[in-house]
């Protein structure tokens, strides 16, 4: 709806994009509790993507790159002090035996690159209008299911952590302020990456559009129970999939 270039790039691969889903906010999952800039400084922190490695370096930590499958061994053997992941990965990666402290929502952010609604273009165009609508509705539900699934798992894993004596700590004001400053400064880095490395045009305009959409969706989702799949499904349908012109989407 906001990025015709994205649609065109998908079409060039004989695909059409109908849904993309993030997980829950990234948090610090550490061998011991961490809540301040001083706590972070000097630590070896595994960042799943470059923005989190830049955050770690800015905070005075040593950014580490290992795959998710290596996180358990990395923490267990002392190769890393923390990993930045969604809290729900405590179960997914079996981290309860190697994590001693969780700092929820720090540094924040999420992974939004899961293309759960990528369809073959020929298949999409072969569908009747009624069937396309059914698929689009299904994409609203699939996206909501994934998002709320992560949120439900976070609730479960936080309680399991408490039951096992793992400390759940809040980041202090200095760490929050330092992180907010990093986010503002890093916008320019992100612009440069997309402009210089990927040849994206009108980067400033796209960033402004994204920030506006972020604020819009914060306002739309804040009143919702983050584990309510049906409510989020209806929101996605109302705000996104019902607004697509299903007769022409994929033909442009």
Protein backbone atom coordinates (compact mmCIF):
# COMPACT_ATOMS: atom_id res chain seq x y z
CA UNK A 1 0.00 0.00 0.00
CA UNK A 2 2.89 2.35 0.74
CA UNK A 3 5.71 0.86 -1.33
CA UNK A 4 5.02 0.24 -5.03
CA UNK A 5 8.69 -0.65 -5.50
CA UNK A 6 8.27 -3.52 -3.02
CA UNK A 7 5.31 -4.86 -5.00
CA UNK A 8 7.23 -4.56 -8.25
CA UNK A 9 10.25 -6.40 -6.83
CA UNK A 10 7.98 -9.24 -5.73
CA UNK A 11 6.28 -9.39 -9.13
CA UNK A 12 9.68 -9.59 -10.81
CA UNK A 13 10.23 -12.84 -8.88
CA UNK A 14 6.79 -14.12 -9.97
CA UNK A 15 5.54 -13.66 -6.43
CA UNK A 16 3.04 -11.50 -4.66
CA UNK A 17 3.38 -10.38 -1.06
CA UNK A 18 0.26 -10.47 1.10
CA UNK A 19 1.56 -10.73 4.66
CA UNK A 20 4.69 -10.06 6.68
CA UNK A 21 4.84 -10.76 10.41
CA UNK A 22 7.12 -9.72 13.26
CA UNK A 23 7.57 -11.42 16.60
CA UNK A 24 7.54 -9.74 20.00
CA UNK A 25 10.01 -7.11 21.17
CA UNK A 26 13.65 -8.08 21.51
CA UNK A 27 15.06 -8.29 25.03
CA UNK A 28 18.37 -8.99 26.73
CA UNK A 29 18.66 -12.64 27.76
CA UNK A 30 21.82 -12.79 29.85
CA UNK A 31 23.87 -15.06 32.07
CA UNK A 32 23.31 -12.55 34.89
CA UNK A 33 20.90 -9.61 35.31
CA UNK A 34 21.73 -6.46 33.34
CA UNK A 35 19.92 -3.16 33.85
CA UNK A 36 22.35 -0.28 33.29
CA UNK A 37 24.84 1.08 30.79
CA UNK A 38 27.60 0.09 33.20
CA UNK A 39 26.26 -3.47 33.25
CA UNK A 40 26.30 -3.64 29.45
CA UNK A 41 29.78 -2.11 29.03
CA UNK A 42 32.45 -4.69 28.30
CA UNK A 43 30.02 -7.57 27.80
CA UNK A 44 30.02 -9.88 24.79
CA UNK A 45 26.53 -9.50 23.33
CA UNK A 46 25.12 -11.56 20.49
CA UNK A 47 23.07 -9.45 18.09
CA UNK A 48 20.90 -11.26 15.53
CA UNK A 49 21.13 -8.47 12.94
CA UNK A 50 23.39 -5.48 12.35
CA UNK A 51 21.28 -2.85 14.12
CA UNK A 52 21.56 -4.73 17.42
CA UNK A 53 25.29 -5.17 16.96
CA UNK A 54 25.57 -1.41 16.41
CA UNK A 55 23.56 -0.85 19.59
CA UNK A 56 25.86 -3.15 21.57
CA UNK A 57 28.96 -1.39 20.28
CA UNK A 58 27.50 2.04 21.08
CA UNK A 59 26.79 0.88 24.64
CA UNK A 60 30.43 -0.19 25.03
CA UNK A 61 29.87 -3.91 24.58
CA UNK A 62 31.54 -6.30 22.14
CA UNK A 63 29.07 -7.35 19.42
CA UNK A 64 29.12 -11.09 18.63
CA UNK A 65 27.73 -12.81 15.54
CA UNK A 66 26.60 -16.41 15.99
CA UNK A 67 23.55 -18.25 14.69
CA UNK A 68 20.49 -18.87 16.85
CA UNK A 69 21.40 -22.55 17.02
CA UNK A 70 24.68 -21.62 18.72
CA UNK A 71 23.20 -19.35 21.38
CA UNK A 72 22.78 -22.06 24.03
CA UNK A 73 26.38 -23.24 23.70
CA UNK A 74 27.64 -19.65 23.51
CA UNK A 75 25.99 -18.75 26.82
CA UNK A 76 26.81 -22.08 28.42
CA UNK A 77 30.51 -21.89 27.54
CA UNK A 78 30.85 -18.19 28.38
CA UNK A 79 31.57 -17.12 24.80
CA UNK A 80 28.73 -14.59 25.06
CA UNK A 81 27.26 -12.86 28.09
CA UNK A 82 23.91 -12.00 26.52
CA UNK A 83 21.83 -12.65 23.45
CA UNK A 84 19.30 -10.19 22.05
CA UNK A 85 16.15 -12.17 21.27
CA UNK A 86 12.43 -12.27 21.85
CA UNK A 87 11.63 -13.65 25.30
CA UNK A 88 9.73 -16.50 23.66
CA UNK A 89 13.05 -17.83 22.38
CA UNK A 90 13.75 -18.97 25.95
CA UNK A 91 11.59 -21.99 25.12
CA UNK A 92 12.44 -22.22 21.45
CA UNK A 93 16.20 -22.28 22.11
CA UNK A 94 16.03 -24.10 25.49
CA UNK A 95 17.75 -21.25 27.34
CA UNK A 96 16.31 -21.66 30.85
CA UNK A 97 19.42 -23.50 32.08
CA UNK A 98 21.89 -20.87 30.83
CA UNK A 99 20.10 -17.53 31.36
CA UNK A 100 20.18 -15.87 34.77
CA UNK A 101 18.58 -12.53 33.94
CA UNK A 102 16.06 -11.12 31.47
CA UNK A 103 15.67 -7.42 30.68
CA UNK A 104 12.34 -7.22 28.82
CA UNK A 105 12.03 -4.76 25.94
CA UNK A 106 15.70 -3.74 26.00
CA UNK A 107 16.92 -2.74 23.47
CA UNK A 108 13.47 -3.26 21.92
CA UNK A 109 12.66 -3.53 18.26
CA UNK A 110 11.71 -6.73 16.50
CA UNK A 111 12.31 -8.81 13.41
CA UNK A 112 9.77 -7.94 10.73
CA UNK A 113 11.13 -9.83 7.76
CA UNK A 114 9.06 -13.02 7.91
CA UNK A 115 7.31 -13.17 4.54
CA UNK A 116 4.60 -15.57 5.68
CA UNK A 117 2.26 -14.49 2.87
CA UNK A 118 4.42 -14.91 -0.22
CA UNK A 119 2.38 -16.54 -2.99
CA UNK A 120 3.22 -17.67 -6.48
CA UNK A 121 1.87 -14.97 -8.80
CA UNK A 122 0.43 -17.40 -11.35
CA UNK A 123 -1.49 -19.14 -8.59
CA UNK A 124 -2.83 -15.83 -7.27
CA UNK A 125 -4.00 -14.68 -10.70
CA UNK A 126 -5.71 -18.04 -11.28
CA UNK A 127 -8.01 -17.50 -8.30
CA UNK A 128 -11.51 -16.11 -8.53
CA UNK A 129 -12.20 -12.79 -6.84
CA UNK A 130 -14.08 -14.63 -4.08
CA UNK A 131 -11.14 -16.95 -3.49
CA UNK A 132 -8.68 -14.04 -3.43
CA UNK A 133 -10.78 -12.41 -0.74
CA UNK A 134 -10.74 -15.64 1.28
CA UNK A 135 -6.95 -15.83 0.96
CA UNK A 136 -6.57 -12.16 1.93
CA UNK A 137 -8.74 -12.72 5.00
CA UNK A 138 -6.63 -15.74 5.85
CA UNK A 139 -3.51 -13.60 5.63
CA UNK A 140 -4.96 -11.20 8.21
CA UNK A 141 -5.49 -14.14 10.54
CA UNK A 142 -2.10 -15.75 9.82
CA UNK A 143 -0.31 -12.50 10.63
CA UNK A 144 -2.30 -11.99 13.83
CA UNK A 145 -1.73 -15.62 14.82
CA UNK A 146 2.04 -15.27 14.52
CA UNK A 147 2.23 -11.93 16.37
CA UNK A 148 -0.05 -12.97 19.23
CA UNK A 149 1.61 -16.40 19.36
CA UNK A 150 4.90 -14.71 20.18
CA UNK A 151 3.19 -12.56 22.80
CA UNK A 152 1.52 -15.58 24.41
CA UNK A 153 4.83 -17.42 24.52
CA UNK A 154 6.47 -14.38 26.11
CA UNK A 155 3.92 -14.44 28.95
CA UNK A 156 4.51 -18.16 29.48
CA UNK A 157 8.30 -17.90 29.35
CA UNK A 158 8.46 -14.95 31.73
CA UNK A 159 6.42 -16.89 34.27
CA UNK A 160 8.56 -20.00 33.77
CA UNK A 161 11.66 -17.86 34.29
CA UNK A 162 10.26 -16.43 37.54
CA UNK A 163 9.36 -19.93 38.75
CA UNK A 164 12.94 -21.06 38.09
CA UNK A 165 14.47 -18.11 39.92
CA UNK A 166 15.67 -16.22 36.85
CA UNK A 167 15.75 -12.48 37.58
CA UNK A 168 13.38 -10.27 35.55
CA UNK A 169 14.82 -6.77 35.72
CA UNK A 170 13.84 -3.39 34.32
CA UNK A 171 16.37 -1.26 32.48
CA UNK A 172 17.27 1.87 34.41
CA UNK A 173 16.62 5.42 33.08
CA UNK A 174 20.20 5.89 31.85
CA UNK A 175 20.10 2.75 29.70
CA UNK A 176 16.70 3.73 28.33
CA UNK A 177 17.93 7.25 27.51
CA UNK A 178 21.11 5.95 25.89
CA UNK A 179 19.07 3.51 23.80
CA UNK A 180 16.62 6.21 22.70
CA UNK A 181 19.54 8.40 21.64
CA UNK A 182 21.06 5.50 19.71
CA UNK A 183 17.77 4.88 17.87
CA UNK A 184 17.52 8.52 16.76
CA UNK A 185 21.13 8.60 15.60
CA UNK A 186 20.93 5.23 13.88
CA UNK A 187 18.19 6.44 11.55
CA UNK A 188 20.87 8.19 9.51
CA UNK A 189 22.95 5.00 9.38
CA UNK A 190 19.95 3.03 8.16
CA UNK A 191 19.24 5.66 5.50
CA UNK A 192 22.82 5.43 4.25
CA UNK A 193 22.72 1.62 4.09
CA UNK A 194 19.56 1.55 2.00
CA UNK A 195 20.66 4.44 -0.19
CA UNK A 196 24.28 3.38 -0.78
CA UNK A 197 24.20 -0.41 -0.54
CA UNK A 198 20.77 -1.14 -1.99
CA UNK A 199 20.25 1.84 -4.29
CA UNK A 200 16.91 2.75 -2.72
CA UNK A 201 15.50 6.06 -3.92
CA UNK A 202 13.66 8.73 -1.89
CA UNK A 203 15.02 7.29 1.34
CA UNK A 204 14.16 10.33 3.47
CA UNK A 205 10.54 10.21 2.31
CA UNK A 206 10.31 6.50 3.03
CA UNK A 207 11.66 6.96 6.54
CA UNK A 208 9.11 9.69 7.23
CA UNK A 209 6.34 7.44 5.93
CA UNK A 210 7.53 4.58 8.11
CA UNK A 211 7.68 6.76 11.25
CA UNK A 212 4.16 8.00 10.55
CA UNK A 213 2.87 4.45 10.10
CA UNK A 214 4.62 3.36 13.29
CA UNK A 215 2.82 6.04 15.29
CA UNK A 216 -0.48 5.17 13.61
CA UNK A 217 -0.14 1.49 14.51
CA UNK A 218 0.93 2.22 18.06
CA UNK A 219 -2.33 4.13 18.51
CA UNK A 220 -4.34 1.33 16.87
CA UNK A 221 -2.81 -1.53 18.85
CA UNK A 222 -2.23 0.04 22.28
CA UNK A 223 -5.88 -0.51 23.37
CA UNK A 224 -5.75 -4.21 22.40
CA UNK A 225 -4.85 -7.22 24.49
CA UNK A 226 -1.59 -8.26 22.77
CA UNK A 227 -2.61 -11.94 23.00
CA UNK A 228 -6.07 -11.43 21.40
CA UNK A 229 -5.73 -13.06 17.98
CA UNK A 230 -9.27 -12.32 16.81
CA UNK A 231 -9.11 -8.60 17.65
CA UNK A 232 -5.80 -8.23 15.83
CA UNK A 233 -7.13 -10.22 12.88
CA UNK A 234 -10.01 -7.79 12.48
CA UNK A 235 -7.68 -4.82 12.78
CA UNK A 236 -5.39 -6.16 10.04
CA UNK A 237 -8.37 -6.90 7.85
CA UNK A 238 -9.93 -3.46 8.37
CA UNK A 239 -6.72 -1.47 7.97
CA UNK A 240 -4.85 -3.53 5.37
CA UNK A 241 -6.26 -6.47 3.46
CA UNK A 242 -9.80 -5.17 2.98
CA UNK A 243 -8.32 -2.04 1.37
CA UNK A 244 -6.46 -3.94 -1.36
CA UNK A 245 -8.00 -3.88 -4.82
CA UNK A 246 -8.05 -7.65 -5.23
CA UNK A 247 -9.05 -7.41 -8.88
CA UNK A 248 -5.89 -5.54 -9.86
CA UNK A 249 -3.38 -6.42 -7.12
CA UNK A 250 -0.63 -8.33 -8.88
CA UNK A 251 -1.40 -6.90 -12.32
CA UNK A 252 0.40 -3.56 -11.94
